[in-house]
């Protein structure tokens, strides 16, 4: 739940975070296959209501994914589509493989320099 935890913590606490790195995740597209109840709409509403604030204050909003074989790929695709419709700016990185450590290692390698500029 690392990527979802990043989203659920970072989005409502913009006053505490200027950099968000979401690895192999996206809010569950409802209905989700795991039966997990999550009110993703409240987060989308926050983004809609304060789009300019999020775009201005987040120095880096970075999403990464392990390709179509990643179990979270569809959730991330749906989330990116929603961000695009809202007008939220983000960077996206995709590398082949699934929901695996090599994907996250490559994602960290790509993300880390962005937060130390």
PDB file of N, CA and C in Angstrom:
ATOM      1  N   UNK A   1       0.814  -1.200   0.000  1.00  0.00           N
ATOM      2  CA  UNK A   1       0.000   0.000   0.000  1.00  0.00           C
ATOM      3  C   UNK A   1       0.857   1.264   0.000  1.00  0.00           C
ATOM      4  N   UNK A   2       2.106   1.162  -0.371  1.00  0.00           N
ATOM      5  CA  UNK A   2       2.985   2.327  -0.316  1.00  0.00           C
ATOM      6  C   UNK A   2       2.550   3.472  -1.204  1.00  0.00           C
ATOM      7  N   UNK A   3       2.191   3.173  -2.456  1.00  0.00           N
ATOM      8  CA  UNK A   3       1.775   4.234  -3.370  1.00  0.00           C
ATOM      9  C   UNK A   3       0.453   4.847  -2.963  1.00  0.00           C
ATOM     10  N   UNK A   4      -0.488   4.013  -2.557  1.00  0.00           N
ATOM     11  CA  UNK A   4      -1.781   4.543  -2.102  1.00  0.00           C
ATOM     12  C   UNK A   4      -1.587   5.340  -0.812  1.00  0.00           C
ATOM     13  N   UNK A   5      -0.697   4.861   0.061  1.00  0.00           N
ATOM     14  CA  UNK A   5      -0.412   5.599   1.297  1.00  0.00           C
ATOM     15  C   UNK A   5       0.171   6.970   0.973  1.00  0.00           C
ATOM     16  N   UNK A   6       1.039   7.028  -0.029  1.00  0.00           N
ATOM     17  CA  UNK A   6       1.598   8.317  -0.452  1.00  0.00           C
ATOM     18  C   UNK A   6       0.488   9.244  -0.920  1.00  0.00           C
ATOM     19  N   UNK A   7      -0.413   8.740  -1.750  1.00  0.00           N
ATOM     20  CA  UNK A   7      -1.535   9.548  -2.239  1.00  0.00           C
ATOM     21  C   UNK A   7      -2.441   9.991  -1.095  1.00  0.00           C
ATOM     22  N   UNK A   8      -2.823   9.046  -0.238  1.00  0.00           N
ATOM     23  CA  UNK A   8      -3.765   9.343   0.834  1.00  0.00           C
ATOM     24  C   UNK A   8      -3.187  10.280   1.889  1.00  0.00           C
ATOM     25  N   UNK A   9      -1.880  10.291   2.034  1.00  0.00           N
ATOM     26  CA  UNK A   9      -1.230  11.177   2.998  1.00  0.00           C
ATOM     27  C   UNK A   9      -0.857  12.510   2.360  1.00  0.00           C
ATOM     28  N   UNK A  10      -0.324  12.464   1.159  1.00  0.00           N
ATOM     29  CA  UNK A  10       0.177  13.681   0.520  1.00  0.00           C
ATOM     30  C   UNK A  10      -0.896  14.622   0.021  1.00  0.00           C
ATOM     31  N   UNK A  11      -1.935  14.100  -0.599  1.00  0.00           N
ATOM     32  CA  UNK A  11      -2.965  14.961  -1.191  1.00  0.00           C
ATOM     33  C   UNK A  11      -3.670  15.817  -0.144  1.00  0.00           C
ATOM     34  N   UNK A  12      -4.095  15.267   1.001  1.00  0.00           N
ATOM     35  CA  UNK A  12      -4.765  16.127   1.981  1.00  0.00           C
ATOM     36  C   UNK A  12      -3.813  16.990   2.813  1.00  0.00           C
ATOM     37  N   UNK A  13      -2.520  16.782   2.685  1.00  0.00           N
ATOM     38  CA  UNK A  13      -1.551  17.502   3.510  1.00  0.00           C
ATOM     39  C   UNK A  13      -0.552  18.270   2.662  1.00  0.00           C
ATOM     40  N   UNK A  14      -1.068  19.025   1.737  1.00  0.00           N
ATOM     41  CA  UNK A  14      -0.221  19.787   0.826  1.00  0.00           C
ATOM     42  C   UNK A  14       0.684  20.774   1.568  1.00  0.00           C
ATOM     43  N   UNK A  15       0.285  21.186   2.747  1.00  0.00           N
ATOM     44  CA  UNK A  15       1.102  22.106   3.542  1.00  0.00           C
ATOM     45  C   UNK A  15       2.362  21.432   4.091  1.00  0.00           C
ATOM     46  N   UNK A  16       2.427  20.116   4.030  1.00  0.00           N
ATOM     47  CA  UNK A  16       3.567  19.377   4.578  1.00  0.00           C
ATOM     48  C   UNK A  16       4.447  18.721   3.512  1.00  0.00           C
ATOM     49  N   UNK A  17       3.945  18.610   2.286  1.00  0.00           N
ATOM     50  CA  UNK A  17       4.674  17.910   1.238  1.00  0.00           C
ATOM     51  C   UNK A  17       4.739  18.746  -0.038  1.00  0.00           C
ATOM     52  N   UNK A  18       5.932  18.815  -0.628  1.00  0.00           N
ATOM     53  CA  UNK A  18       6.093  19.486  -1.914  1.00  0.00           C
ATOM     54  C   UNK A  18       6.516  18.498  -3.000  1.00  0.00           C
ATOM     55  N   UNK A  19       6.832  17.268  -2.600  1.00  0.00           N
ATOM     56  CA  UNK A  19       7.280  16.231  -3.511  1.00  0.00           C
ATOM     57  C   UNK A  19       6.517  14.947  -3.185  1.00  0.00           C
ATOM     58  N   UNK A  20       5.862  14.380  -4.187  1.00  0.00           N
ATOM     59  CA  UNK A  20       5.171  13.107  -4.002  1.00  0.00           C
ATOM     60  C   UNK A  20       5.644  12.135  -5.075  1.00  0.00           C
ATOM     61  N   UNK A  21       6.103  10.968  -4.650  1.00  0.00           N
ATOM     62  CA  UNK A  21       6.510   9.904  -5.558  1.00  0.00           C
ATOM     63  C   UNK A  21       5.618   8.695  -5.336  1.00  0.00           C
ATOM     64  N   UNK A  22       4.822   8.372  -6.322  1.00  0.00           N
ATOM     65  CA  UNK A  22       3.847   7.274  -6.224  1.00  0.00           C
ATOM     66  C   UNK A  22       4.345   6.147  -7.123  1.00  0.00           C
ATOM     67  N   UNK A  23       4.735   5.039  -6.507  1.00  0.00           N
ATOM     68  CA  UNK A  23       5.318   3.917  -7.241  1.00  0.00           C
ATOM     69  C   UNK A  23       4.295   2.789  -7.370  1.00  0.00           C
ATOM     70  N   UNK A  24       4.033   2.362  -8.589  1.00  0.00           N
ATOM     71  CA  UNK A  24       3.176   1.204  -8.876  1.00  0.00           C
ATOM     72  C   UNK A  24       1.846   1.260  -8.149  1.00  0.00           C
ATOM     73  N   UNK A  25       1.154   2.366  -8.328  1.00  0.00           N
ATOM     74  CA  UNK A  25      -0.118   2.487  -7.633  1.00  0.00           C
ATOM     75  C   UNK A  25      -1.019   3.484  -8.327  1.00  0.00           C
ATOM     76  N   UNK A  26      -2.190   3.554  -7.805  1.00  0.00           N
ATOM     77  CA  UNK A  26      -3.232   4.489  -8.191  1.00  0.00           C
ATOM     78  C   UNK A  26      -4.403   4.164  -7.301  1.00  0.00           C
ATOM     79  N   UNK A  27      -5.245   5.142  -7.049  1.00  0.00           N
ATOM     80  CA  UNK A  27      -6.419   4.825  -6.238  1.00  0.00           C
ATOM     81  C   UNK A  27      -7.187   3.721  -6.929  1.00  0.00           C
ATOM     82  N   UNK A  28      -7.770   2.834  -6.136  1.00  0.00           N
ATOM     83  CA  UNK A  28      -8.534   1.730  -6.705  1.00  0.00           C
ATOM     84  C   UNK A  28      -9.641   2.275  -7.588  1.00  0.00           C
ATOM     85  N   UNK A  29      -9.695   1.748  -8.799  1.00  0.00           N
ATOM     86  CA  UNK A  29     -10.809   2.061  -9.684  1.00  0.00           C
ATOM     87  C   UNK A  29     -11.982   1.213  -9.200  1.00  0.00           C
ATOM     88  N   UNK A  30     -13.091   1.845  -8.920  1.00  0.00           N
ATOM     89  CA  UNK A  30     -14.233   1.113  -8.364  1.00  0.00           C
ATOM     90  C   UNK A  30     -15.045   0.467  -9.457  1.00  0.00           C
ATOM     91  N   UNK A  31     -15.531  -0.752  -9.300  1.00  0.00           N
ATOM     92  CA  UNK A  31     -15.229  -1.604  -8.142  1.00  0.00           C
ATOM     93  C   UNK A  31     -13.848  -2.234  -8.288  1.00  0.00           C
ATOM     94  N   UNK A  32     -13.187  -2.446  -7.176  1.00  0.00           N
ATOM     95  CA  UNK A  32     -11.856  -3.037  -7.251  1.00  0.00           C
ATOM     96  C   UNK A  32     -11.930  -4.530  -6.969  1.00  0.00           C
ATOM     97  N   UNK A  33     -10.971  -5.279  -7.485  1.00  0.00           N
ATOM     98  CA  UNK A  33     -11.037  -6.744  -7.400  1.00  0.00           C
ATOM     99  C   UNK A  33     -10.769  -7.302  -6.004  1.00  0.00           C
ATOM    100  N   UNK A  34     -10.296  -6.471  -5.080  1.00  0.00           N
ATOM    101  CA  UNK A  34      -9.924  -6.969  -3.762  1.00  0.00           C
ATOM    102  C   UNK A  34     -11.009  -6.740  -2.718  1.00  0.00           C
ATOM    103  N   UNK A  35     -12.092  -6.085  -3.103  1.00  0.00           N
ATOM    104  CA  UNK A  35     -13.158  -5.810  -2.160  1.00  0.00           C
ATOM    105  C   UNK A  35     -12.815  -4.721  -1.159  1.00  0.00           C
ATOM    106  N   UNK A  36     -11.744  -3.979  -1.397  1.00  0.00           N
ATOM    107  CA  UNK A  36     -11.330  -2.913  -0.493  1.00  0.00           C
ATOM    108  C   UNK A  36     -12.212  -1.693  -0.741  1.00  0.00           C
ATOM    109  N   UNK A  37     -12.806  -1.197   0.318  1.00  0.00           N
ATOM    110  CA  UNK A  37     -13.632   0.007   0.204  1.00  0.00           C
ATOM    111  C   UNK A  37     -12.735   1.224   0.395  1.00  0.00           C
ATOM    112  N   UNK A  38     -12.741   2.099  -0.561  1.00  0.00           N
ATOM    113  CA  UNK A  38     -11.925   3.303  -0.475  1.00  0.00           C
ATOM    114  C   UNK A  38     -12.694   4.428  -1.154  1.00  0.00           C
ATOM    115  N   UNK A  39     -12.794   5.541  -0.464  1.00  0.00           N
ATOM    116  CA  UNK A  39     -13.494   6.686  -1.025  1.00  0.00           C
ATOM    117  C   UNK A  39     -12.512   7.539  -1.815  1.00  0.00           C
ATOM    118  N   UNK A  40     -12.179   7.089  -3.004  1.00  0.00           N
ATOM    119  CA  UNK A  40     -11.237   7.821  -3.853  1.00  0.00           C
ATOM    120  C   UNK A  40     -11.803   9.166  -4.287  1.00  0.00           C
ATOM    121  N   UNK A  41     -13.106   9.260  -4.383  1.00  0.00           N
ATOM    122  CA  UNK A  41     -13.728  10.501  -4.871  1.00  0.00           C
ATOM    123  C   UNK A  41     -13.411  11.693  -3.992  1.00  0.00           C
ATOM    124  N   UNK A  42     -13.243  11.477  -2.697  1.00  0.00           N
ATOM    125  CA  UNK A  42     -12.932  12.616  -1.823  1.00  0.00           C
ATOM    126  C   UNK A  42     -11.591  13.242  -2.195  1.00  0.00           C
ATOM    127  N   UNK A  43     -10.650  12.403  -2.646  1.00  0.00           N
ATOM    128  CA  UNK A  43      -9.350  12.923  -3.058  1.00  0.00           C
ATOM    129  C   UNK A  43      -9.443  13.640  -4.407  1.00  0.00           C
ATOM    130  N   UNK A  44     -10.201  13.071  -5.321  1.00  0.00           N
ATOM    131  CA  UNK A  44     -10.403  13.752  -6.603  1.00  0.00           C
ATOM    132  C   UNK A  44     -11.106  15.090  -6.387  1.00  0.00           C
ATOM    133  N   UNK A  45     -12.057  15.140  -5.458  1.00  0.00           N
ATOM    134  CA  UNK A  45     -12.742  16.400  -5.145  1.00  0.00           C
ATOM    135  C   UNK A  45     -11.767  17.440  -4.607  1.00  0.00           C
ATOM    136  N   UNK A  46     -10.847  17.011  -3.721  1.00  0.00           N
ATOM    137  CA  UNK A  46      -9.825  17.935  -3.199  1.00  0.00           C
ATOM    138  C   UNK A  46      -9.004  18.511  -4.342  1.00  0.00           C
ATOM    139  N   UNK A  47      -8.611  17.646  -5.268  1.00  0.00           N
ATOM    140  CA  UNK A  47      -7.807  18.095  -6.404  1.00  0.00           C
ATOM    141  C   UNK A  47      -8.590  19.047  -7.298  1.00  0.00           C
ATOM    142  N   UNK A  48      -9.846  18.730  -7.559  1.00  0.00           N
ATOM    143  CA  UNK A  48     -10.689  19.599  -8.407  1.00  0.00           C
ATOM    144  C   UNK A  48     -10.863  20.977  -7.787  1.00  0.00           C
ATOM    145  N   UNK A  49     -11.155  20.995  -6.494  1.00  0.00           N
ATOM    146  CA  UNK A  49     -11.437  22.261  -5.803  1.00  0.00           C
ATOM    147  C   UNK A  49     -10.209  23.150  -5.681  1.00  0.00           C
ATOM    148  N   UNK A  50      -9.019  22.555  -5.707  1.00  0.00           N
ATOM    149  CA  UNK A  50      -7.784  23.311  -5.489  1.00  0.00           C
ATOM    150  C   UNK A  50      -6.725  23.016  -6.554  1.00  0.00           C
ATOM    151  N   UNK A  51      -7.177  22.808  -7.780  1.00  0.00           N
ATOM    152  CA  UNK A  51      -6.275  22.413  -8.867  1.00  0.00           C
ATOM    153  C   UNK A  51      -5.056  23.324  -8.970  1.00  0.00           C
ATOM    154  N   UNK A  52      -5.257  24.612  -8.993  1.00  0.00           N
ATOM    155  CA  UNK A  52      -4.136  25.543  -9.159  1.00  0.00           C
ATOM    156  C   UNK A  52      -3.170  25.469  -7.981  1.00  0.00           C
ATOM    157  N   UNK A  53      -3.711  25.314  -6.795  1.00  0.00           N
ATOM    158  CA  UNK A  53      -2.870  25.210  -5.600  1.00  0.00           C
ATOM    159  C   UNK A  53      -1.980  23.963  -5.684  1.00  0.00           C
ATOM    160  N   UNK A  54      -2.551  22.837  -6.062  1.00  0.00           N
ATOM    161  CA  UNK A  54      -1.751  21.619  -6.192  1.00  0.00           C
ATOM    162  C   UNK A  54      -0.700  21.773  -7.283  1.00  0.00           C
ATOM    163  N   UNK A  55      -1.090  22.322  -8.406  1.00  0.00           N
ATOM    164  CA  UNK A  55      -0.140  22.488  -9.514  1.00  0.00           C
ATOM    165  C   UNK A  55       0.978  23.454  -9.160  1.00  0.00           C
ATOM    166  N   UNK A  56       0.689  24.465  -8.356  1.00  0.00           N
ATOM    167  CA  UNK A  56       1.707  25.439  -7.975  1.00  0.00           C
ATOM    168  C   UNK A  56       2.608  24.939  -6.852  1.00  0.00           C
ATOM    169  N   UNK A  57       2.017  24.274  -5.867  1.00  0.00           N
ATOM    170  CA  UNK A  57       2.770  23.920  -4.668  1.00  0.00           C
ATOM    171  C   UNK A  57       3.516  22.601  -4.754  1.00  0.00           C
ATOM    172  N   UNK A  58       3.042  21.673  -5.564  1.00  0.00           N
ATOM    173  CA  UNK A  58       3.790  20.421  -5.708  1.00  0.00           C
ATOM    174  C   UNK A  58       4.928  20.640  -6.702  1.00  0.00           C
ATOM    175  N   UNK A  59       6.139  20.608  -6.194  1.00  0.00           N
ATOM    176  CA  UNK A  59       7.303  20.787  -7.058  1.00  0.00           C
ATOM    177  C   UNK A  59       7.489  19.567  -7.957  1.00  0.00           C
ATOM    178  N   UNK A  60       7.208  18.386  -7.417  1.00  0.00           N
ATOM    179  CA  UNK A  60       7.257  17.147  -8.187  1.00  0.00           C
ATOM    180  C   UNK A  60       6.089  16.266  -7.747  1.00  0.00           C
ATOM    181  N   UNK A  61       5.269  15.889  -8.702  1.00  0.00           N
ATOM    182  CA  UNK A  61       4.207  14.907  -8.480  1.00  0.00           C
ATOM    183  C   UNK A  61       4.493  13.820  -9.496  1.00  0.00           C
ATOM    184  N   UNK A  62       5.091  12.749  -9.035  1.00  0.00           N
ATOM    185  CA  UNK A  62       5.705  11.757  -9.901  1.00  0.00           C
ATOM    186  C   UNK A  62       5.018  10.417  -9.736  1.00  0.00           C
ATOM    187  N   UNK A  63       4.598   9.836 -10.838  1.00  0.00           N
ATOM    188  CA  UNK A  63       3.949   8.530 -10.855  1.00  0.00           C
ATOM    189  C   UNK A  63       4.808   7.582 -11.670  1.00  0.00           C
ATOM    190  N   UNK A  64       4.985   6.358 -11.170  1.00  0.00           N
ATOM    191  CA  UNK A  64       5.714   5.358 -11.940  1.00  0.00           C
ATOM    192  C   UNK A  64       4.933   4.052 -11.939  1.00  0.00           C
ATOM    193  N   UNK A  65       5.163   3.278 -12.968  1.00  0.00           N
ATOM    194  CA  UNK A  65       4.405   2.038 -13.121  1.00  0.00           C
ATOM    195  C   UNK A  65       5.276   0.991 -13.788  1.00  0.00           C
ATOM    196  N   UNK A  66       4.975  -0.264 -13.508  1.00  0.00           N
ATOM    197  CA  UNK A  66       5.728  -1.374 -14.067  1.00  0.00           C
ATOM    198  C   UNK A  66       5.125  -1.960 -15.323  1.00  0.00           C
ATOM    199  N   UNK A  67       4.506  -1.180 -16.143  1.00  0.00           N
ATOM    200  CA  UNK A  67       3.964  -1.690 -17.398  1.00  0.00           C
ATOM    201  C   UNK A  67       2.642  -2.403 -17.210  1.00  0.00           C
ATOM    202  N   UNK A  68       2.083  -2.864 -18.315  1.00  0.00           N
ATOM    203  CA  UNK A  68       0.748  -3.470 -18.292  1.00  0.00           C
ATOM    204  C   UNK A  68       0.676  -4.729 -17.449  1.00  0.00           C
ATOM    205  N   UNK A  69       1.811  -5.365 -17.187  1.00  0.00           N
ATOM    206  CA  UNK A  69       1.792  -6.567 -16.357  1.00  0.00           C
ATOM    207  C   UNK A  69       1.744  -6.256 -14.859  1.00  0.00           C
ATOM    208  N   UNK A  70       1.887  -4.987 -14.478  1.00  0.00           N
ATOM    209  CA  UNK A  70       1.784  -4.576 -13.074  1.00  0.00           C
ATOM    210  C   UNK A  70       0.322  -4.691 -12.639  1.00  0.00           C
ATOM    211  N   UNK A  71       0.081  -5.296 -11.489  1.00  0.00           N
ATOM    212  CA  UNK A  71      -1.298  -5.497 -11.018  1.00  0.00           C
ATOM    213  C   UNK A  71      -2.026  -4.177 -10.769  1.00  0.00           C
ATOM    214  N   UNK A  72      -1.288  -3.099 -10.570  1.00  0.00           N
ATOM    215  CA  UNK A  72      -1.903  -1.800 -10.305  1.00  0.00           C
ATOM    216  C   UNK A  72      -1.988  -0.927 -11.561  1.00  0.00           C
ATOM    217  N   UNK A  73      -1.608  -1.474 -12.701  1.00  0.00           N
ATOM    218  CA  UNK A  73      -1.529  -0.679 -13.928  1.00  0.00           C
ATOM    219  C   UNK A  73      -2.863  -0.001 -14.272  1.00  0.00           C
ATOM    220  N   UNK A  74      -3.938  -0.748 -14.227  1.00  0.00           N
ATOM    221  CA  UNK A  74      -5.239  -0.186 -14.606  1.00  0.00           C
ATOM    222  C   UNK A  74      -5.684   0.907 -13.634  1.00  0.00           C
ATOM    223  N   UNK A  75      -5.432   0.701 -12.347  1.00  0.00           N
ATOM    224  CA  UNK A  75      -5.763   1.743 -11.369  1.00  0.00           C
ATOM    225  C   UNK A  75      -5.010   3.036 -11.684  1.00  0.00           C
ATOM    226  N   UNK A  76      -3.741   2.910 -12.010  1.00  0.00           N
ATOM    227  CA  UNK A  76      -2.934   4.090 -12.331  1.00  0.00           C
ATOM    228  C   UNK A  76      -3.405   4.737 -13.629  1.00  0.00           C
ATOM    229  N   UNK A  77      -3.763   3.934 -14.600  1.00  0.00           N
ATOM    230  CA  UNK A  77      -4.246   4.488 -15.870  1.00  0.00           C
ATOM    231  C   UNK A  77      -5.521   5.290 -15.650  1.00  0.00           C
ATOM    232  N   UNK A  78      -6.448   4.730 -14.884  1.00  0.00           N
ATOM    233  CA  UNK A  78      -7.699   5.439 -14.581  1.00  0.00           C
ATOM    234  C   UNK A  78      -7.394   6.721 -13.817  1.00  0.00           C
ATOM    235  N   UNK A  79      -6.500   6.651 -12.846  1.00  0.00           N
ATOM    236  CA  UNK A  79      -6.151   7.828 -12.055  1.00  0.00           C
ATOM    237  C   UNK A  79      -5.514   8.901 -12.928  1.00  0.00           C
ATOM    238  N   UNK A  80      -4.605   8.512 -13.819  1.00  0.00           N
ATOM    239  CA  UNK A  80      -3.976   9.498 -14.708  1.00  0.00           C
ATOM    240  C   UNK A  80      -5.009  10.149 -15.610  1.00  0.00           C
ATOM    241  N   UNK A  81      -5.960   9.369 -16.114  1.00  0.00           N
ATOM    242  CA  UNK A  81      -7.045   9.941 -16.927  1.00  0.00           C
ATOM    243  C   UNK A  81      -7.831  10.971 -16.134  1.00  0.00           C
ATOM    244  N   UNK A  82      -8.115  10.662 -14.889  1.00  0.00           N
ATOM    245  CA  UNK A  82      -8.847  11.605 -14.038  1.00  0.00           C
ATOM    246  C   UNK A  82      -8.011  12.868 -13.792  1.00  0.00           C
ATOM    247  N   UNK A  83      -6.717  12.692 -13.525  1.00  0.00           N
ATOM    248  CA  UNK A  83      -5.839  13.851 -13.343  1.00  0.00           C
ATOM    249  C   UNK A  83      -5.833  14.720 -14.594  1.00  0.00           C
ATOM    250  N   UNK A  84      -5.765  14.091 -15.756  1.00  0.00           N
ATOM    251  CA  UNK A  84      -5.758  14.835 -17.013  1.00  0.00           C
ATOM    252  C   UNK A  84      -7.045  15.638 -17.175  1.00  0.00           C
ATOM    253  N   UNK A  85      -8.183  15.044 -16.856  1.00  0.00           N
ATOM    254  CA  UNK A  85      -9.465  15.747 -16.971  1.00  0.00           C
ATOM    255  C   UNK A  85      -9.564  16.910 -15.989  1.00  0.00           C
ATOM    256  N   UNK A  86      -9.012  16.717 -14.793  1.00  0.00           N
ATOM    257  CA  UNK A  86      -9.023  17.779 -13.776  1.00  0.00           C
ATOM    258  C   UNK A  86      -8.020  18.875 -14.136  1.00  0.00           C
ATOM    259  N   UNK A  87      -6.915  18.472 -14.778  1.00  0.00           N
ATOM    260  CA  UNK A  87      -5.861  19.427 -15.111  1.00  0.00           C
ATOM    261  C   UNK A  87      -4.712  19.405 -14.116  1.00  0.00           C
ATOM    262  N   UNK A  88      -4.535  18.280 -13.444  1.00  0.00           N
ATOM    263  CA  UNK A  88      -3.437  18.131 -12.488  1.00  0.00           C
ATOM    264  C   UNK A  88      -2.164  17.760 -13.248  1.00  0.00           C
ATOM    265  N   UNK A  89      -1.088  18.475 -12.948  1.00  0.00           N
ATOM    266  CA  UNK A  89       0.201  18.206 -13.589  1.00  0.00           C
ATOM    267  C   UNK A  89       0.932  17.103 -12.823  1.00  0.00           C
ATOM    268  N   UNK A  90       1.543  16.203 -13.561  1.00  0.00           N
ATOM    269  CA  UNK A  90       2.332  15.127 -12.962  1.00  0.00           C
ATOM    270  C   UNK A  90       3.342  14.649 -14.003  1.00  0.00           C
ATOM    271  N   UNK A  91       4.361  13.972 -13.526  1.00  0.00           N
ATOM    272  CA  UNK A  91       5.318  13.307 -14.401  1.00  0.00           C
ATOM    273  C   UNK A  91       5.047  11.811 -14.308  1.00  0.00           C
ATOM    274  N   UNK A  92       5.208  11.122 -15.431  1.00  0.00           N
ATOM    275  CA  UNK A  92       4.926   9.685 -15.459  1.00  0.00           C
ATOM    276  C   UNK A  92       6.112   8.933 -16.034  1.00  0.00           C
ATOM    277  N   UNK A  93       6.469   7.849 -15.349  1.00  0.00           N
ATOM    278  CA  UNK A  93       7.565   6.985 -15.787  1.00  0.00           C
ATOM    279  C   UNK A  93       7.061   5.546 -15.784  1.00  0.00           C
ATOM    280  N   UNK A  94       7.318   4.833 -16.865  1.00  0.00           N
ATOM    281  CA  UNK A  94       6.919   3.428 -16.955  1.00  0.00           C
ATOM    282  C   UNK A  94       8.117   2.598 -17.392  1.00  0.00           C
ATOM    283  N   UNK A  95       8.300   1.484 -16.737  1.00  0.00           N
ATOM    284  CA  UNK A  95       9.379   0.568 -17.091  1.00  0.00           C
ATOM    285  C   UNK A  95       8.809  -0.848 -17.163  1.00  0.00           C
ATOM    286  N   UNK A  96       9.290  -1.677 -18.080  1.00  0.00           N
ATOM    287  CA  UNK A  96       8.725  -3.022 -18.217  1.00  0.00           C
ATOM    288  C   UNK A  96       8.914  -3.859 -16.956  1.00  0.00           C
ATOM    289  N   UNK A  97       7.956  -4.658 -16.661  1.00  0.00           N
ATOM    290  CA  UNK A  97       7.955  -5.647 -15.583  1.00  0.00           C
ATOM    291  C   UNK A  97       6.681  -5.445 -14.780  1.00  0.00           C
ATOM    292  N   UNK A  98       6.525  -6.187 -13.740  1.00  0.00           N
ATOM    293  CA  UNK A  98       5.289  -6.148 -12.970  1.00  0.00           C
ATOM    294  C   UNK A  98       5.409  -5.334 -11.702  1.00  0.00           C
ATOM    295  N   UNK A  99       4.708  -5.780 -10.700  1.00  0.00           N
ATOM    296  CA  UNK A  99       4.664  -5.138  -9.389  1.00  0.00           C
ATOM    297  C   UNK A  99       5.819  -5.722  -8.575  1.00  0.00           C
ATOM    298  N   UNK A 100       7.050  -5.324  -8.953  1.00  0.00           N
ATOM    299  CA  UNK A 100       8.238  -6.003  -8.439  1.00  0.00           C
ATOM    300  C   UNK A 100       9.309  -5.028  -7.979  1.00  0.00           C
ATOM    301  N   UNK A 101      10.229  -5.558  -7.170  1.00  0.00           N
ATOM    302  CA  UNK A 101      11.332  -4.759  -6.667  1.00  0.00           C
ATOM    303  C   UNK A 101      12.178  -4.136  -7.787  1.00  0.00           C
ATOM    304  N   UNK A 102      12.527  -4.841  -8.850  1.00  0.00           N
ATOM    305  CA  UNK A 102      13.322  -4.185  -9.902  1.00  0.00           C
ATOM    306  C   UNK A 102      12.625  -2.945 -10.489  1.00  0.00           C
ATOM    307  N   UNK A 103      11.314  -2.968 -10.598  1.00  0.00           N
ATOM    308  CA  UNK A 103      10.573  -1.793 -11.083  1.00  0.00           C
ATOM    309  C   UNK A 103      10.726  -0.644 -10.094  1.00  0.00           C
ATOM    310  N   UNK A 104      10.560  -0.924  -8.811  1.00  0.00           N
ATOM    311  CA  UNK A 104      10.635   0.136  -7.805  1.00  0.00           C
ATOM    312  C   UNK A 104      12.055   0.664  -7.667  1.00  0.00           C
ATOM    313  N   UNK A 105      13.030  -0.217  -7.833  1.00  0.00           N
ATOM    314  CA  UNK A 105      14.428   0.220  -7.783  1.00  0.00           C
ATOM    315  C   UNK A 105      14.714   1.190  -8.926  1.00  0.00           C
ATOM    316  N   UNK A 106      14.255   0.855 -10.133  1.00  0.00           N
ATOM    317  CA  UNK A 106      14.445   1.754 -11.278  1.00  0.00           C
ATOM    318  C   UNK A 106      13.664   3.049 -11.085  1.00  0.00           C
ATOM    319  N   UNK A 107      12.476   2.930 -10.527  1.00  0.00           N
ATOM    320  CA  UNK A 107      11.659   4.120 -10.265  1.00  0.00           C
ATOM    321  C   UNK A 107      12.354   5.046  -9.276  1.00  0.00           C
ATOM    322  N   UNK A 108      12.910   4.479  -8.226  1.00  0.00           N
ATOM    323  CA  UNK A 108      13.640   5.290  -7.242  1.00  0.00           C
ATOM    324  C   UNK A 108      14.854   5.948  -7.881  1.00  0.00           C
ATOM    325  N   UNK A 109      15.537   5.215  -8.726  1.00  0.00           N
ATOM    326  CA  UNK A 109      16.702   5.753  -9.431  1.00  0.00           C
ATOM    327  C   UNK A 109      16.308   6.969 -10.282  1.00  0.00           C
ATOM    328  N   UNK A 110      15.149   6.921 -10.912  1.00  0.00           N
ATOM    329  CA  UNK A 110      14.665   8.025 -11.743  1.00  0.00           C
ATOM    330  C   UNK A 110      14.109   9.184 -10.899  1.00  0.00           C
ATOM    331  N   UNK A 111      13.472   8.858  -9.781  1.00  0.00           N
ATOM    332  CA  UNK A 111      12.787   9.858  -8.953  1.00  0.00           C
ATOM    333  C   UNK A 111      13.748  10.630  -8.037  1.00  0.00           C
ATOM    334  N   UNK A 112      14.685   9.942  -7.422  1.00  0.00           N
ATOM    335  CA  UNK A 112      15.547  10.560  -6.407  1.00  0.00           C
ATOM    336  C   UNK A 112      16.232  11.845  -6.884  1.00  0.00           C
ATOM    337  N   UNK A 113      16.824  11.897  -8.076  1.00  0.00           N
ATOM    338  CA  UNK A 113      17.464  13.148  -8.483  1.00  0.00           C
ATOM    339  C   UNK A 113      16.501  14.339  -8.571  1.00  0.00           C
ATOM    340  N   UNK A 114      15.233  14.066  -8.796  1.00  0.00           N
ATOM    341  CA  UNK A 114      14.251  15.153  -8.925  1.00  0.00           C
ATOM    342  C   UNK A 114      13.991  15.854  -7.596  1.00  0.00           C
ATOM    343  N   UNK A 115      14.179  15.128  -6.501  1.00  0.00           N
ATOM    344  CA  UNK A 115      13.887  15.732  -5.194  1.00  0.00           C
ATOM    345  C   UNK A 115      15.114  16.357  -4.551  1.00  0.00           C
ATOM    346  N   UNK A 116      16.281  16.212  -5.203  1.00  0.00           N
ATOM    347  CA  UNK A 116      17.508  16.785  -4.660  1.00  0.00           C
ATOM    348  C   UNK A 116      18.112  17.836  -5.577  1.00  0.00           C
ATOM    349  N   UNK A 117      17.279  18.502  -6.368  1.00  0.00           N
ATOM    350  CA  UNK A 117      17.773  19.566  -7.245  1.00  0.00           C
ATOM    351  C   UNK A 117      17.963  20.840  -6.465  1.00  0.00           C
TER     352      UNK A 117
END
